[in-house]
Amino acid sequence: MAALLGAGALASGESLAAPEARVHVVVIEGMQYTPATLEVRKGDTVVWQNKDPFPHTASAAGKVFESGSIDAGKSWKFIANTTGRFAYFCAFHPTMKGTLEVK
């Protein structure tokens, strides 16, 4: 006789472990962030890679995160530990804008 699964019970092979954290990349090139909007899970790492020949920043409103200067050819990483929707920009080039959504 097959066992019945109650509400919240796990099927065979499922676990209670949280999903594994992932690494996401935002490329800075041509005076823009690609992707312009990135959705990640809490605990994921976001890496901004600067492929432009001059420095940029990833500066979130409210100082949720602040990369400081990311020199040409360099990168900066951030672990997304706070949920929410965070607009960010380049402090050197304020017309450059992006959004990080942490679920």
PDB file of N, CA and C in Angstrom:
ATOM      1  N   MET A   1       0.850  -1.178   0.000  1.00  0.00           N
ATOM      2  CA  MET A   1       0.000   0.000   0.000  1.00  0.00           C
ATOM      3  C   MET A   1       0.893   1.237   0.000  1.00  0.00           C
ATOM      4  N   ALA A   2       0.619   2.185  -0.878  1.00  0.00           N
ATOM      5  CA  ALA A   2       1.439   3.396  -1.004  1.00  0.00           C
ATOM      6  C   ALA A   2       1.198   4.307   0.190  1.00  0.00           C
ATOM      7  N   ALA A   3       2.274   4.942   0.642  1.00  0.00           N
ATOM      8  CA  ALA A   3       2.152   5.895   1.754  1.00  0.00           C
ATOM      9  C   ALA A   3       1.551   7.193   1.238  1.00  0.00           C
ATOM     10  N   LEU A   4       0.724   7.794   2.045  1.00  0.00           N
ATOM     11  CA  LEU A   4       0.123   9.079   1.678  1.00  0.00           C
ATOM     12  C   LEU A   4       0.999  10.200   2.215  1.00  0.00           C
ATOM     13  N   LEU A   5       1.170  11.251   1.418  1.00  0.00           N
ATOM     14  CA  LEU A   5       1.955  12.410   1.836  1.00  0.00           C
ATOM     15  C   LEU A   5       1.020  13.468   2.376  1.00  0.00           C
ATOM     16  N   GLY A   6       1.270  13.917   3.586  1.00  0.00           N
ATOM     17  CA  GLY A   6       0.473  14.987   4.166  1.00  0.00           C
ATOM     18  C   GLY A   6       0.962  16.333   3.664  1.00  0.00           C
ATOM     19  N   ALA A   7       0.254  17.374   3.999  1.00  0.00           N
ATOM     20  CA  ALA A   7       0.659  18.728   3.605  1.00  0.00           C
ATOM     21  C   ALA A   7       2.053  19.012   4.147  1.00  0.00           C
ATOM     22  N   GLY A   8       2.936  19.479   3.307  1.00  0.00           N
ATOM     23  CA  GLY A   8       4.290  19.819   3.717  1.00  0.00           C
ATOM     24  C   GLY A   8       5.237  18.634   3.726  1.00  0.00           C
ATOM     25  N   ALA A   9       4.755  17.430   3.457  1.00  0.00           N
ATOM     26  CA  ALA A   9       5.628  16.259   3.433  1.00  0.00           C
ATOM     27  C   ALA A   9       6.479  16.283   2.170  1.00  0.00           C
ATOM     28  N   LEU A  10       7.610  15.618   2.239  1.00  0.00           N
ATOM     29  CA  LEU A  10       8.524  15.582   1.103  1.00  0.00           C
ATOM     30  C   LEU A  10       8.346  14.293   0.320  1.00  0.00           C
ATOM     31  N   ALA A  11       8.363  14.396  -0.976  1.00  0.00           N
ATOM     32  CA  ALA A  11       8.356  13.214  -1.831  1.00  0.00           C
ATOM     33  C   ALA A  11       9.745  12.593  -1.795  1.00  0.00           C
ATOM     34  N   SER A  12       9.850  11.372  -2.207  1.00  0.00           N
ATOM     35  CA  SER A  12      11.127  10.664  -2.220  1.00  0.00           C
ATOM     36  C   SER A  12      12.169  11.445  -3.012  1.00  0.00           C
ATOM     37  N   GLY A  13      13.356  11.624  -2.424  1.00  0.00           N
ATOM     38  CA  GLY A  13      14.452  12.304  -3.118  1.00  0.00           C
ATOM     39  C   GLY A  13      14.512  13.794  -2.861  1.00  0.00           C
ATOM     40  N   GLU A  14      13.476  14.391  -2.276  1.00  0.00           N
ATOM     41  CA  GLU A  14      13.497  15.825  -1.987  1.00  0.00           C
ATOM     42  C   GLU A  14      14.221  16.070  -0.672  1.00  0.00           C
ATOM     43  N   SER A  15      14.771  17.263  -0.520  1.00  0.00           N
ATOM     44  CA  SER A  15      15.433  17.595   0.738  1.00  0.00           C
ATOM     45  C   SER A  15      14.977  18.966   1.210  1.00  0.00           C
ATOM     46  N   LEU A  16      15.250  19.237   2.466  1.00  0.00           N
ATOM     47  CA  LEU A  16      14.902  20.529   3.049  1.00  0.00           C
ATOM     48  C   LEU A  16      16.007  21.558   2.844  1.00  0.00           C
ATOM     49  N   ALA A  17      17.124  21.170   2.259  1.00  0.00           N
ATOM     50  CA  ALA A  17      18.257  22.073   2.076  1.00  0.00           C
ATOM     51  C   ALA A  17      17.866  23.260   1.204  1.00  0.00           C
ATOM     52  N   ALA A  18      18.404  24.425   1.565  1.00  0.00           N
ATOM     53  CA  ALA A  18      18.167  25.629   0.768  1.00  0.00           C
ATOM     54  C   ALA A  18      18.869  25.478  -0.577  1.00  0.00           C
ATOM     55  N   PRO A  19      18.353  26.131  -1.601  1.00  0.00           N
ATOM     56  CA  PRO A  19      19.022  26.058  -2.904  1.00  0.00           C
ATOM     57  C   PRO A  19      20.452  26.592  -2.796  1.00  0.00           C
ATOM     58  N   GLU A  20      21.333  26.010  -3.564  1.00  0.00           N
ATOM     59  CA  GLU A  20      22.734  26.426  -3.534  1.00  0.00           C
ATOM     60  C   GLU A  20      22.886  27.845  -4.092  1.00  0.00           C
ATOM     61  N   ALA A  21      23.717  28.631  -3.422  1.00  0.00           N
ATOM     62  CA  ALA A  21      23.962  30.007  -3.865  1.00  0.00           C
ATOM     63  C   ALA A  21      24.627  29.989  -5.234  1.00  0.00           C
ATOM     64  N   ARG A  22      24.296  30.972  -6.058  1.00  0.00           N
ATOM     65  CA  ARG A  22      24.832  31.071  -7.410  1.00  0.00           C
ATOM     66  C   ARG A  22      25.647  32.348  -7.558  1.00  0.00           C
ATOM     67  N   VAL A  23      26.444  32.392  -8.611  1.00  0.00           N
ATOM     68  CA  VAL A  23      27.220  33.582  -8.954  1.00  0.00           C
ATOM     69  C   VAL A  23      26.637  34.153 -10.241  1.00  0.00           C
ATOM     70  N   HIS A  24      26.358  35.448 -10.243  1.00  0.00           N
ATOM     71  CA  HIS A  24      25.803  36.151 -11.391  1.00  0.00           C
ATOM     72  C   HIS A  24      26.792  37.235 -11.806  1.00  0.00           C
ATOM     73  N   VAL A  25      26.866  37.515 -13.098  1.00  0.00           N
ATOM     74  CA  VAL A  25      27.819  38.508 -13.597  1.00  0.00           C
ATOM     75  C   VAL A  25      27.073  39.647 -14.281  1.00  0.00           C
ATOM     76  N   VAL A  26      27.443  40.863 -13.918  1.00  0.00           N
ATOM     77  CA  VAL A  26      26.976  42.065 -14.607  1.00  0.00           C
ATOM     78  C   VAL A  26      28.199  42.623 -15.333  1.00  0.00           C
ATOM     79  N   VAL A  27      28.112  42.723 -16.647  1.00  0.00           N
ATOM     80  CA  VAL A  27      29.216  43.264 -17.443  1.00  0.00           C
ATOM     81  C   VAL A  27      29.024  44.766 -17.605  1.00  0.00           C
ATOM     82  N   ILE A  28      30.084  45.506 -17.331  1.00  0.00           N
ATOM     83  CA  ILE A  28      30.084  46.955 -17.548  1.00  0.00           C
ATOM     84  C   ILE A  28      30.868  47.189 -18.825  1.00  0.00           C
ATOM     85  N   GLU A  29      30.162  47.631 -19.850  1.00  0.00           N
ATOM     86  CA  GLU A  29      30.807  47.846 -21.156  1.00  0.00           C
ATOM     87  C   GLU A  29      29.953  48.805 -21.971  1.00  0.00           C
ATOM     88  N   GLY A  30      30.612  49.692 -22.694  1.00  0.00           N
ATOM     89  CA  GLY A  30      29.872  50.644 -23.518  1.00  0.00           C
ATOM     90  C   GLY A  30      29.027  51.586 -22.679  1.00  0.00           C
ATOM     91  N   MET A  31      29.527  51.913 -21.476  1.00  0.00           N
ATOM     92  CA  MET A  31      28.837  52.845 -20.574  1.00  0.00           C
ATOM     93  C   MET A  31      27.464  52.329 -20.157  1.00  0.00           C
ATOM     94  N   GLN A  32      27.335  50.995 -19.977  1.00  0.00           N
ATOM     95  CA  GLN A  32      26.087  50.438 -19.483  1.00  0.00           C
ATOM     96  C   GLN A  32      26.340  49.145 -18.710  1.00  0.00           C
ATOM     97  N   TYR A  33      25.359  48.786 -17.887  1.00  0.00           N
ATOM     98  CA  TYR A  33      25.378  47.531 -17.142  1.00  0.00           C
ATOM     99  C   TYR A  33      24.557  46.510 -17.912  1.00  0.00           C
ATOM    100  N   THR A  34      25.105  45.317 -18.105  1.00  0.00           N
ATOM    101  CA  THR A  34      24.371  44.265 -18.800  1.00  0.00           C
ATOM    102  C   THR A  34      24.421  42.992 -17.969  1.00  0.00           C
ATOM    103  N   PRO A  35      23.261  42.496 -17.500  1.00  0.00           N
ATOM    104  CA  PRO A  35      21.923  43.011 -17.746  1.00  0.00           C
ATOM    105  C   PRO A  35      21.645  44.261 -16.896  1.00  0.00           C
ATOM    106  N   ALA A  36      20.739  45.080 -17.390  1.00  0.00           N
ATOM    107  CA  ALA A  36      20.389  46.313 -16.678  1.00  0.00           C
ATOM    108  C   ALA A  36      19.592  45.987 -15.411  1.00  0.00           C
ATOM    109  N   THR A  37      18.814  44.933 -15.451  1.00  0.00           N
ATOM    110  CA  THR A  37      18.078  44.451 -14.287  1.00  0.00           C
ATOM    111  C   THR A  37      18.452  43.001 -14.070  1.00  0.00           C
ATOM    112  N   LEU A  38      18.834  42.680 -12.845  1.00  0.00           N
ATOM    113  CA  LEU A  38      19.243  41.317 -12.507  1.00  0.00           C
ATOM    114  C   LEU A  38      18.463  40.853 -11.292  1.00  0.00           C
ATOM    115  N   GLU A  39      17.851  39.665 -11.397  1.00  0.00           N
ATOM    116  CA  GLU A  39      17.125  39.067 -10.283  1.00  0.00           C
ATOM    117  C   GLU A  39      17.953  37.914  -9.725  1.00  0.00           C
ATOM    118  N   VAL A  40      18.194  37.935  -8.415  1.00  0.00           N
ATOM    119  CA  VAL A  40      18.983  36.904  -7.747  1.00  0.00           C
ATOM    120  C   VAL A  40      18.251  36.461  -6.487  1.00  0.00           C
ATOM    121  N   ARG A  41      18.735  35.370  -5.893  1.00  0.00           N
ATOM    122  CA  ARG A  41      18.197  34.911  -4.616  1.00  0.00           C
ATOM    123  C   ARG A  41      19.083  35.416  -3.484  1.00  0.00           C
ATOM    124  N   LYS A  42      18.504  35.555  -2.318  1.00  0.00           N
ATOM    125  CA  LYS A  42      19.263  35.939  -1.133  1.00  0.00           C
ATOM    126  C   LYS A  42      20.409  34.943  -0.957  1.00  0.00           C
ATOM    127  N   GLY A  43      21.625  35.460  -0.737  1.00  0.00           N
ATOM    128  CA  GLY A  43      22.807  34.610  -0.577  1.00  0.00           C
ATOM    129  C   GLY A  43      23.628  34.446  -1.840  1.00  0.00           C
ATOM    130  N   ASP A  44      23.047  34.817  -2.993  1.00  0.00           N
ATOM    131  CA  ASP A  44      23.793  34.746  -4.253  1.00  0.00           C
ATOM    132  C   ASP A  44      24.870  35.828  -4.289  1.00  0.00           C
ATOM    133  N   THR A  45      25.880  35.599  -5.118  1.00  0.00           N
ATOM    134  CA  THR A  45      26.954  36.568  -5.321  1.00  0.00           C
ATOM    135  C   THR A  45      26.767  37.240  -6.672  1.00  0.00           C
ATOM    136  N   VAL A  46      26.938  38.547  -6.698  1.00  0.00           N
ATOM    137  CA  VAL A  46      26.895  39.305  -7.949  1.00  0.00           C
ATOM    138  C   VAL A  46      28.287  39.866  -8.177  1.00  0.00           C
ATOM    139  N   VAL A  47      28.813  39.665  -9.390  1.00  0.00           N
ATOM    140  CA  VAL A  47      30.130  40.174  -9.766  1.00  0.00           C
ATOM    141  C   VAL A  47      29.939  41.196 -10.879  1.00  0.00           C
ATOM    142  N   TRP A  48      30.449  42.405 -10.677  1.00  0.00           N
ATOM    143  CA  TRP A  48      30.458  43.427 -11.721  1.00  0.00           C
ATOM    144  C   TRP A  48      31.832  43.395 -12.372  1.00  0.00           C
ATOM    145  N   GLN A  49      31.882  43.149 -13.681  1.00  0.00           N
ATOM    146  CA  GLN A  49      33.140  43.107 -14.432  1.00  0.00           C
ATOM    147  C   GLN A  49      33.220  44.324 -15.329  1.00  0.00           C
ATOM    148  N   ASN A  50      34.272  45.129 -15.150  1.00  0.00           N
ATOM    149  CA  ASN A  50      34.433  46.349 -15.943  1.00  0.00           C
ATOM    150  C   ASN A  50      35.264  46.055 -17.189  1.00  0.00           C
ATOM    151  N   LYS A  51      34.599  46.080 -18.339  1.00  0.00           N
ATOM    152  CA  LYS A  51      35.281  45.862 -19.608  1.00  0.00           C
ATOM    153  C   LYS A  51      35.507  47.164 -20.374  1.00  0.00           C
ATOM    154  N   ASP A  52      35.159  48.295 -19.751  1.00  0.00           N
ATOM    155  CA  ASP A  52      35.433  49.596 -20.358  1.00  0.00           C
ATOM    156  C   ASP A  52      36.881  49.991 -20.047  1.00  0.00           C
ATOM    157  N   PRO A  53      37.440  50.936 -20.812  1.00  0.00           N
ATOM    158  CA  PRO A  53      38.836  51.334 -20.603  1.00  0.00           C
ATOM    159  C   PRO A  53      39.023  52.386 -19.504  1.00  0.00           C
ATOM    160  N   PHE A  54      38.004  52.617 -18.684  1.00  0.00           N
ATOM    161  CA  PHE A  54      38.068  53.605 -17.608  1.00  0.00           C
ATOM    162  C   PHE A  54      37.241  53.093 -16.434  1.00  0.00           C
ATOM    163  N   PRO A  55      37.425  53.652 -15.234  1.00  0.00           N
ATOM    164  CA  PRO A  55      36.739  53.140 -14.044  1.00  0.00           C
ATOM    165  C   PRO A  55      35.248  53.465 -14.002  1.00  0.00           C
ATOM    166  N   HIS A  56      34.538  52.623 -13.251  1.00  0.00           N
ATOM    167  CA  HIS A  56      33.107  52.786 -12.969  1.00  0.00           C
ATOM    168  C   HIS A  56      32.862  52.374 -11.527  1.00  0.00           C
ATOM    169  N   THR A  57      31.631  52.599 -11.056  1.00  0.00           N
ATOM    170  CA  THR A  57      31.210  52.095  -9.747  1.00  0.00           C
ATOM    171  C   THR A  57      29.865  51.391  -9.897  1.00  0.00           C
ATOM    172  N   ALA A  58      29.495  50.659  -8.867  1.00  0.00           N
ATOM    173  CA  ALA A  58      28.144  50.137  -8.691  1.00  0.00           C
ATOM    174  C   ALA A  58      27.719  50.656  -7.324  1.00  0.00           C
ATOM    175  N   SER A  59      26.964  51.749  -7.331  1.00  0.00           N
ATOM    176  CA  SER A  59      26.617  52.478  -6.107  1.00  0.00           C
ATOM    177  C   SER A  59      25.105  52.449  -5.915  1.00  0.00           C
ATOM    178  N   ALA A  60      24.650  51.721  -4.903  1.00  0.00           N
ATOM    179  CA  ALA A  60      23.211  51.599  -4.654  1.00  0.00           C
ATOM    180  C   ALA A  60      22.692  52.777  -3.848  1.00  0.00           C
ATOM    181  N   ALA A  61      21.501  53.200  -4.203  1.00  0.00           N
ATOM    182  CA  ALA A  61      20.823  54.231  -3.421  1.00  0.00           C
ATOM    183  C   ALA A  61      20.661  53.709  -2.002  1.00  0.00           C
ATOM    184  N   GLY A  62      20.824  54.573  -1.014  1.00  0.00           N
ATOM    185  CA  GLY A  62      20.707  54.156   0.372  1.00  0.00           C
ATOM    186  C   GLY A  62      21.916  53.397   0.886  1.00  0.00           C
ATOM    187  N   LYS A  63      22.975  53.356   0.081  1.00  0.00           N
ATOM    188  CA  LYS A  63      24.238  52.707   0.481  1.00  0.00           C
ATOM    189  C   LYS A  63      24.076  51.219   0.821  1.00  0.00           C
ATOM    190  N   VAL A  64      23.118  50.538   0.174  1.00  0.00           N
ATOM    191  CA  VAL A  64      22.959  49.101   0.380  1.00  0.00           C
ATOM    192  C   VAL A  64      24.230  48.382  -0.051  1.00  0.00           C
ATOM    193  N   PHE A  65      24.813  48.853  -1.152  1.00  0.00           N
ATOM    194  CA  PHE A  65      26.137  48.389  -1.553  1.00  0.00           C
ATOM    195  C   PHE A  65      26.862  49.514  -2.268  1.00  0.00           C
ATOM    196  N   GLU A  66      28.186  49.487  -2.188  1.00  0.00           N
ATOM    197  CA  GLU A  66      29.038  50.515  -2.792  1.00  0.00           C
ATOM    198  C   GLU A  66      30.353  49.851  -3.184  1.00  0.00           C
ATOM    199  N   SER A  67      30.591  49.789  -4.470  1.00  0.00           N
ATOM    200  CA  SER A  67      31.791  49.103  -4.965  1.00  0.00           C
ATOM    201  C   SER A  67      33.061  49.916  -4.804  1.00  0.00           C
ATOM    202  N   GLY A  68      32.918  51.246  -4.738  1.00  0.00           N
ATOM    203  CA  GLY A  68      34.102  52.071  -4.912  1.00  0.00           C
ATOM    204  C   GLY A  68      34.506  51.977  -6.375  1.00  0.00           C
ATOM    205  N   SER A  69      35.652  52.503  -6.718  1.00  0.00           N
ATOM    206  CA  SER A  69      36.099  52.509  -8.109  1.00  0.00           C
ATOM    207  C   SER A  69      36.466  51.102  -8.575  1.00  0.00           C
ATOM    208  N   ILE A  70      35.829  50.664  -9.661  1.00  0.00           N
ATOM    209  CA  ILE A  70      36.173  49.392 -10.296  1.00  0.00           C
ATOM    210  C   ILE A  70      37.000  49.766 -11.523  1.00  0.00           C
ATOM    211  N   ASP A  71      38.305  49.602 -11.432  1.00  0.00           N
ATOM    212  CA  ASP A  71      39.196  50.004 -12.520  1.00  0.00           C
ATOM    213  C   ASP A  71      38.974  49.172 -13.778  1.00  0.00           C
ATOM    214  N   ALA A  72      39.431  49.699 -14.902  1.00  0.00           N
ATOM    215  CA  ALA A  72      39.344  48.999 -16.190  1.00  0.00           C
ATOM    216  C   ALA A  72      39.935  47.607 -16.058  1.00  0.00           C
ATOM    217  N   GLY A  73      39.209  46.611 -16.550  1.00  0.00           N
ATOM    218  CA  GLY A  73      39.683  45.239 -16.515  1.00  0.00           C
ATOM    219  C   GLY A  73      39.556  44.547 -15.168  1.00  0.00           C
ATOM    220  N   LYS A  74      38.989  45.212 -14.182  1.00  0.00           N
ATOM    221  CA  LYS A  74      38.850  44.648 -12.836  1.00  0.00           C
ATOM    222  C   LYS A  74      37.388  44.303 -12.558  1.00  0.00           C
ATOM    223  N   SER A  75      37.155  43.672 -11.406  1.00  0.00           N
ATOM    224  CA  SER A  75      35.797  43.316 -11.016  1.00  0.00           C
ATOM    225  C   SER A  75      35.604  43.550  -9.523  1.00  0.00           C
ATOM    226  N   TRP A  76      34.344  43.530  -9.105  1.00  0.00           N
ATOM    227  CA  TRP A  76      33.974  43.676  -7.703  1.00  0.00           C
ATOM    228  C   TRP A  76      32.805  42.746  -7.442  1.00  0.00           C
ATOM    229  N   LYS A  77      32.811  42.087  -6.277  1.00  0.00           N
ATOM    230  CA  LYS A  77      31.711  41.175  -5.974  1.00  0.00           C
ATOM    231  C   LYS A  77      30.981  41.579  -4.704  1.00  0.00           C
ATOM    232  N   PHE A  78      29.723  41.182  -4.665  1.00  0.00           N
ATOM    233  CA  PHE A  78      28.812  41.533  -3.588  1.00  0.00           C
ATOM    234  C   PHE A  78      27.933  40.325  -3.300  1.00  0.00           C
ATOM    235  N   ILE A  79      27.793  39.960  -2.025  1.00  0.00           N
ATOM    236  CA  ILE A  79      26.884  38.881  -1.640  1.00  0.00           C
ATOM    237  C   ILE A  79      25.562  39.516  -1.240  1.00  0.00           C
ATOM    238  N   ALA A  80      24.503  39.137  -1.932  1.00  0.00           N
ATOM    239  CA  ALA A  80      23.177  39.728  -1.752  1.00  0.00           C
ATOM    240  C   ALA A  80      22.487  39.093  -0.544  1.00  0.00           C
ATOM    241  N   ASN A  81      22.620  39.698   0.624  1.00  0.00           N
ATOM    242  CA  ASN A  81      22.037  39.147   1.848  1.00  0.00           C
ATOM    243  C   ASN A  81      20.780  39.861   2.307  1.00  0.00           C
ATOM    244  N   THR A  82      20.383  40.910   1.602  1.00  0.00           N
ATOM    245  CA  THR A  82      19.180  41.668   1.962  1.00  0.00           C
ATOM    246  C   THR A  82      18.200  41.613   0.803  1.00  0.00           C
ATOM    247  N   THR A  83      16.961  41.185   1.079  1.00  0.00           N
ATOM    248  CA  THR A  83      15.967  41.126   0.018  1.00  0.00           C
ATOM    249  C   THR A  83      15.441  42.522  -0.299  1.00  0.00           C
ATOM    250  N   GLY A  84      15.032  42.691  -1.545  1.00  0.00           N
ATOM    251  CA  GLY A  84      14.467  43.957  -1.980  1.00  0.00           C
ATOM    252  C   GLY A  84      14.867  44.281  -3.406  1.00  0.00           C
ATOM    253  N   ARG A  85      14.451  45.440  -3.834  1.00  0.00           N
ATOM    254  CA  ARG A  85      14.757  45.945  -5.183  1.00  0.00           C
ATOM    255  C   ARG A  85      15.647  47.169  -5.001  1.00  0.00           C
ATOM    256  N   PHE A  86      16.870  47.091  -5.558  1.00  0.00           N
ATOM    257  CA  PHE A  86      17.862  48.127  -5.317  1.00  0.00           C
ATOM    258  C   PHE A  86      18.326  48.762  -6.624  1.00  0.00           C
ATOM    259  N   ALA A  87      18.007  50.037  -6.775  1.00  0.00           N
ATOM    260  CA  ALA A  87      18.492  50.797  -7.926  1.00  0.00           C
ATOM    261  C   ALA A  87      19.948  51.157  -7.650  1.00  0.00           C
ATOM    262  N   TYR A  88      20.778  51.102  -8.681  1.00  0.00           N
ATOM    263  CA  TYR A  88      22.170  51.520  -8.526  1.00  0.00           C
ATOM    264  C   TYR A  88      22.620  52.291  -9.751  1.00  0.00           C
ATOM    265  N   PHE A  89      23.773  52.954  -9.622  1.00  0.00           N
ATOM    266  CA  PHE A  89      24.270  53.814 -10.686  1.00  0.00           C
ATOM    267  C   PHE A  89      25.789  53.870 -10.597  1.00  0.00           C
ATOM    268  N   CYS A  90      26.412  54.488 -11.587  1.00  0.00           N
ATOM    269  CA  CYS A  90      27.850  54.733 -11.566  1.00  0.00           C
ATOM    270  C   CYS A  90      28.059  56.150 -11.025  1.00  0.00           C
ATOM    271  N   ALA A  91      28.828  56.274  -9.950  1.00  0.00           N
ATOM    272  CA  ALA A  91      29.077  57.585  -9.343  1.00  0.00           C
ATOM    273  C   ALA A  91      29.845  58.507 -10.288  1.00  0.00           C
ATOM    274  N   PHE A  92      30.636  57.929 -11.200  1.00  0.00           N
ATOM    275  CA  PHE A  92      31.397  58.736 -12.160  1.00  0.00           C
ATOM    276  C   PHE A  92      30.563  59.113 -13.381  1.00  0.00           C
ATOM    277  N   HIS A  93      29.563  58.294 -13.702  1.00  0.00           N
ATOM    278  CA  HIS A  93      28.720  58.482 -14.894  1.00  0.00           C
ATOM    279  C   HIS A  93      27.261  58.234 -14.488  1.00  0.00           C
ATOM    280  N   PRO A  94      26.616  59.216 -13.836  1.00  0.00           N
ATOM    281  CA  PRO A  94      25.283  59.020 -13.259  1.00  0.00           C
ATOM    282  C   PRO A  94      24.180  58.614 -14.231  1.00  0.00           C
ATOM    283  N   THR A  95      24.416  58.724 -15.537  1.00  0.00           N
ATOM    284  CA  THR A  95      23.397  58.265 -16.482  1.00  0.00           C
ATOM    285  C   THR A  95      23.399  56.732 -16.604  1.00  0.00           C
ATOM    286  N   MET A  96      24.446  56.098 -16.114  1.00  0.00           N
ATOM    287  CA  MET A  96      24.501  54.619 -16.094  1.00  0.00           C
ATOM    288  C   MET A  96      23.691  54.129 -14.898  1.00  0.00           C
ATOM    289  N   LYS A  97      22.665  53.319 -15.177  1.00  0.00           N
ATOM    290  CA  LYS A  97      21.783  52.851 -14.111  1.00  0.00           C
ATOM    291  C   LYS A  97      21.489  51.366 -14.271  1.00  0.00           C
ATOM    292  N   GLY A  98      21.273  50.716 -13.137  1.00  0.00           N
ATOM    293  CA  GLY A  98      20.890  49.321 -13.119  1.00  0.00           C
ATOM    294  C   GLY A  98      20.001  49.039 -11.924  1.00  0.00           C
ATOM    295  N   THR A  99      19.469  47.818 -11.873  1.00  0.00           N
ATOM    296  CA  THR A  99      18.617  47.399 -10.769  1.00  0.00           C
ATOM    297  C   THR A  99      18.977  45.981 -10.367  1.00  0.00           C
ATOM    298  N   LEU A 100      19.129  45.770  -9.069  1.00  0.00           N
ATOM    299  CA  LEU A 100      19.363  44.440  -8.510  1.00  0.00           C
ATOM    300  C   LEU A 100      18.140  44.078  -7.688  1.00  0.00           C
ATOM    301  N   GLU A 101      17.498  42.949  -8.040  1.00  0.00           N
ATOM    302  CA  GLU A 101      16.344  42.456  -7.302  1.00  0.00           C
ATOM    303  C   GLU A 101      16.774  41.203  -6.559  1.00  0.00           C
ATOM    304  N   VAL A 102      16.661  41.237  -5.241  1.00  0.00           N
ATOM    305  CA  VAL A 102      17.041  40.101  -4.400  1.00  0.00           C
ATOM    306  C   VAL A 102      15.763  39.491  -3.824  1.00  0.00           C
ATOM    307  N   LYS A 103      15.488  38.244  -4.169  1.00  0.00           N
ATOM    308  CA  LYS A 103      14.266  37.542  -3.729  1.00  0.00           C
ATOM    309  C   LYS A 103      14.543  36.710  -2.493  1.00  0.00           C
TER     310      LYS A 103
END
